[in-house]
Structure formats: C-alpha cells, structure tokens
Amino acid sequence: MTKKIAVFTRDRQAEALRMSGGLTLLDDKVEVYVLDRKLEDNKVINKHLDMVQNMLELPVLTNCRDNKFEYISNEELADKMLEYDIVIPY
C-alpha cells in the first residue's frame, strides 16, 4: 500500500533531502518541506536537491519566501499535514 510521506527540514537539510530520495524506493509519495529558513547553498545540498527535484521530481515546498520553491503558508501547511500517513522531521 502506497503511503504519503512528508519530510520537514530546518537544520539537517542535506540529510533530509538525501533521505527523501531514499524514501521513494518503496514507491511511496514523498513531499519535502523546507521550513522557517533559506535552504543552504553548498555542494552537498545542491547535489541532493538536484536528485530530489530533477531526477525524482518530488515536490519541494517552503514557508520561507527567501527560497525558490513553491510557497505554502503555515495555515495551509497545518491543513495539509492531515493528508500524510507519515511525517518525518529533520
């Protein structure tokens, strides 16, 4: 049975992006949220972000307008959390 998984990241951004890709191995639906801060710009994060966005085509959303991803307000995020079977915080 396919599960719907949300991965939230604040501090451990590279690890969250890497794990998001790994979670797709069981054909679960994975969405990534970068919360409360700008995604760091470094070689490791950029590599994982490329995998998540371009190779796996996972949605990446954010509540921080400094990011280049789809914006979601905290209120919308609270409503959307009810849709997930699993929420993984990083």
C-alpha atoms as a PDB file:
ATOM      1  CA  MET A   1       0.000   0.000   0.000  1.00  0.00           C
ATOM      2  CA  THR A   2       1.427   3.350  -1.044  1.00  0.00           C
ATOM      3  CA  LYS A   3       1.908   5.804   1.798  1.00  0.00           C
ATOM      4  CA  LYS A   4       2.011   9.582   1.648  1.00  0.00           C
ATOM      5  CA  ILE A   5       5.107  10.912   3.440  1.00  0.00           C
ATOM      6  CA  ALA A   6       6.106  14.473   4.360  1.00  0.00           C
ATOM      7  CA  VAL A   7       9.728  15.293   5.152  1.00  0.00           C
ATOM      8  CA  PHE A   8      10.215  18.539   7.093  1.00  0.00           C
ATOM      9  CA  THR A   9      13.651  20.111   7.331  1.00  0.00           C
ATOM     10  CA  ARG A  10      15.136  23.041   9.173  1.00  0.00           C
ATOM     11  CA  ASP A  11      18.620  22.203  10.424  1.00  0.00           C
ATOM     12  CA  ARG A  12      19.741  18.962   8.755  1.00  0.00           C
ATOM     13  CA  GLN A  13      18.896  19.965   5.228  1.00  0.00           C
ATOM     14  CA  ALA A  14      21.313  17.759   3.286  1.00  0.00           C
ATOM     15  CA  GLU A  15      20.290  14.674   5.257  1.00  0.00           C
ATOM     16  CA  ALA A  16      16.593  15.425   4.779  1.00  0.00           C
ATOM     17  CA  LEU A  17      16.986  15.778   1.010  1.00  0.00           C
ATOM     18  CA  ARG A  18      19.040  12.582   0.787  1.00  0.00           C
ATOM     19  CA  MET A  19      16.521  10.606   2.848  1.00  0.00           C
ATOM     20  CA  SER A  20      13.624  11.972   0.800  1.00  0.00           C
ATOM     21  CA  GLY A  21      15.124  10.374  -2.263  1.00  0.00           C
ATOM     22  CA  GLY A  22      15.643   7.082  -0.446  1.00  0.00           C
ATOM     23  CA  LEU A  23      12.045   7.001   0.706  1.00  0.00           C
ATOM     24  CA  THR A  24      10.899   6.759  -2.903  1.00  0.00           C
ATOM     25  CA  LEU A  25      12.352   3.246  -3.238  1.00  0.00           C
ATOM     26  CA  LEU A  26       9.108   1.742  -1.926  1.00  0.00           C
ATOM     27  CA  ASP A  27       7.031   3.799  -4.387  1.00  0.00           C
ATOM     28  CA  ASP A  28       5.610   5.959  -1.605  1.00  0.00           C
ATOM     29  CA  LYS A  29       4.563   9.523  -2.404  1.00  0.00           C
ATOM     30  CA  VAL A  30       7.090  11.886  -0.805  1.00  0.00           C
ATOM     31  CA  GLU A  31       6.889  15.669  -0.423  1.00  0.00           C
ATOM     32  CA  VAL A  32       9.672  17.821   1.025  1.00  0.00           C
ATOM     33  CA  TYR A  33       9.188  20.965   3.128  1.00  0.00           C
ATOM     34  CA  VAL A  34      11.957  23.470   3.848  1.00  0.00           C
ATOM     35  CA  LEU A  35      10.699  25.313   6.906  1.00  0.00           C
ATOM     36  CA  ASP A  36      11.480  28.660   8.540  1.00  0.00           C
ATOM     37  CA  ARG A  37      14.813  29.353   6.821  1.00  0.00           C
ATOM     38  CA  LYS A  38      16.550  29.579   3.487  1.00  0.00           C
ATOM     39  CA  LEU A  39      17.947  26.372   2.070  1.00  0.00           C
ATOM     40  CA  GLU A  40      21.733  26.462   2.356  1.00  0.00           C
ATOM     41  CA  ASP A  41      23.695  26.785  -0.864  1.00  0.00           C
ATOM     42  CA  ASN A  42      26.541  24.284  -0.847  1.00  0.00           C
ATOM     43  CA  LYS A  43      27.803  21.415  -2.988  1.00  0.00           C
ATOM     44  CA  VAL A  44      26.229  18.588  -0.953  1.00  0.00           C
ATOM     45  CA  ILE A  45      22.798  20.188  -0.662  1.00  0.00           C
ATOM     46  CA  ASN A  46      22.792  21.169  -4.325  1.00  0.00           C
ATOM     47  CA  LYS A  47      23.579  17.572  -5.346  1.00  0.00           C
ATOM     48  CA  HIS A  48      20.730  16.161  -3.232  1.00  0.00           C
ATOM     49  CA  LEU A  49      18.355  18.916  -4.315  1.00  0.00           C
ATOM     50  CA  ASP A  50      19.095  18.143  -7.967  1.00  0.00           C
ATOM     51  CA  MET A  51      18.267  14.481  -7.330  1.00  0.00           C
ATOM     52  CA  VAL A  52      15.026  15.322  -5.498  1.00  0.00           C
ATOM     53  CA  GLN A  53      13.756  17.912  -7.951  1.00  0.00           C
ATOM     54  CA  ASN A  54      15.088  16.829 -11.328  1.00  0.00           C
ATOM     55  CA  MET A  55      15.592  13.076 -11.182  1.00  0.00           C
ATOM     56  CA  LEU A  56      12.774  12.090  -8.819  1.00  0.00           C
ATOM     57  CA  GLU A  57      10.508  15.096  -9.455  1.00  0.00           C
ATOM     58  CA  LEU A  58       9.450  15.362  -5.812  1.00  0.00           C
ATOM     59  CA  PRO A  59       7.560  18.475  -4.805  1.00  0.00           C
ATOM     60  CA  VAL A  60       9.565  20.850  -2.598  1.00  0.00           C
ATOM     61  CA  LEU A  61       7.564  23.448  -0.697  1.00  0.00           C
ATOM     62  CA  THR A  62       8.546  26.140   1.790  1.00  0.00           C
ATOM     63  CA  ASN A  63       7.091  28.611   4.258  1.00  0.00           C
ATOM     64  CA  CYS A  64      10.100  30.919   3.778  1.00  0.00           C
ATOM     65  CA  ARG A  65       9.788  33.374   0.914  1.00  0.00           C
ATOM     66  CA  ASP A  66      13.604  33.511   0.559  1.00  0.00           C
ATOM     67  CA  ASN A  67      13.508  30.056  -1.064  1.00  0.00           C
ATOM     68  CA  LYS A  68      12.822  29.480  -4.754  1.00  0.00           C
ATOM     69  CA  PHE A  69      10.304  26.694  -4.094  1.00  0.00           C
ATOM     70  CA  GLU A  70       6.524  26.724  -4.048  1.00  0.00           C
ATOM     71  CA  TYR A  71       5.380  28.822  -1.079  1.00  0.00           C
ATOM     72  CA  ILE A  72       2.932  27.452   1.477  1.00  0.00           C
ATOM     73  CA  SER A  73       1.647  29.414   4.462  1.00  0.00           C
ATOM     74  CA  ASN A  74       1.727  27.915   7.943  1.00  0.00           C
ATOM     75  CA  GLU A  75      -2.068  27.710   7.921  1.00  0.00           C
ATOM     76  CA  GLU A  76      -2.091  25.801   4.642  1.00  0.00           C
ATOM     77  CA  LEU A  77       0.670  23.555   5.949  1.00  0.00           C
ATOM     78  CA  ALA A  78      -1.335  22.738   9.079  1.00  0.00           C
ATOM     79  CA  ASP A  79      -4.304  21.683   6.930  1.00  0.00           C
ATOM     80  CA  LYS A  80      -2.103  19.689   4.546  1.00  0.00           C
ATOM     81  CA  MET A  81      -0.441  17.727   7.376  1.00  0.00           C
ATOM     82  CA  LEU A  82      -3.706  15.836   7.874  1.00  0.00           C
ATOM     83  CA  GLU A  83      -3.218  14.203   4.447  1.00  0.00           C
ATOM     84  CA  TYR A  84       0.015  12.390   5.374  1.00  0.00           C
ATOM     85  CA  ASP A  85       0.432   8.904   6.720  1.00  0.00           C
ATOM     86  CA  ILE A  86       3.945   9.692   7.969  1.00  0.00           C
ATOM     87  CA  VAL A  87       5.678  12.973   8.877  1.00  0.00           C
ATOM     88  CA  ILE A  88       9.466  12.885   9.290  1.00  0.00           C
ATOM     89  CA  PRO A  89      11.147  15.925  10.910  1.00  0.00           C
ATOM     90  CA  TYR A  90      14.819  16.782  10.260  1.00  0.00           C
END
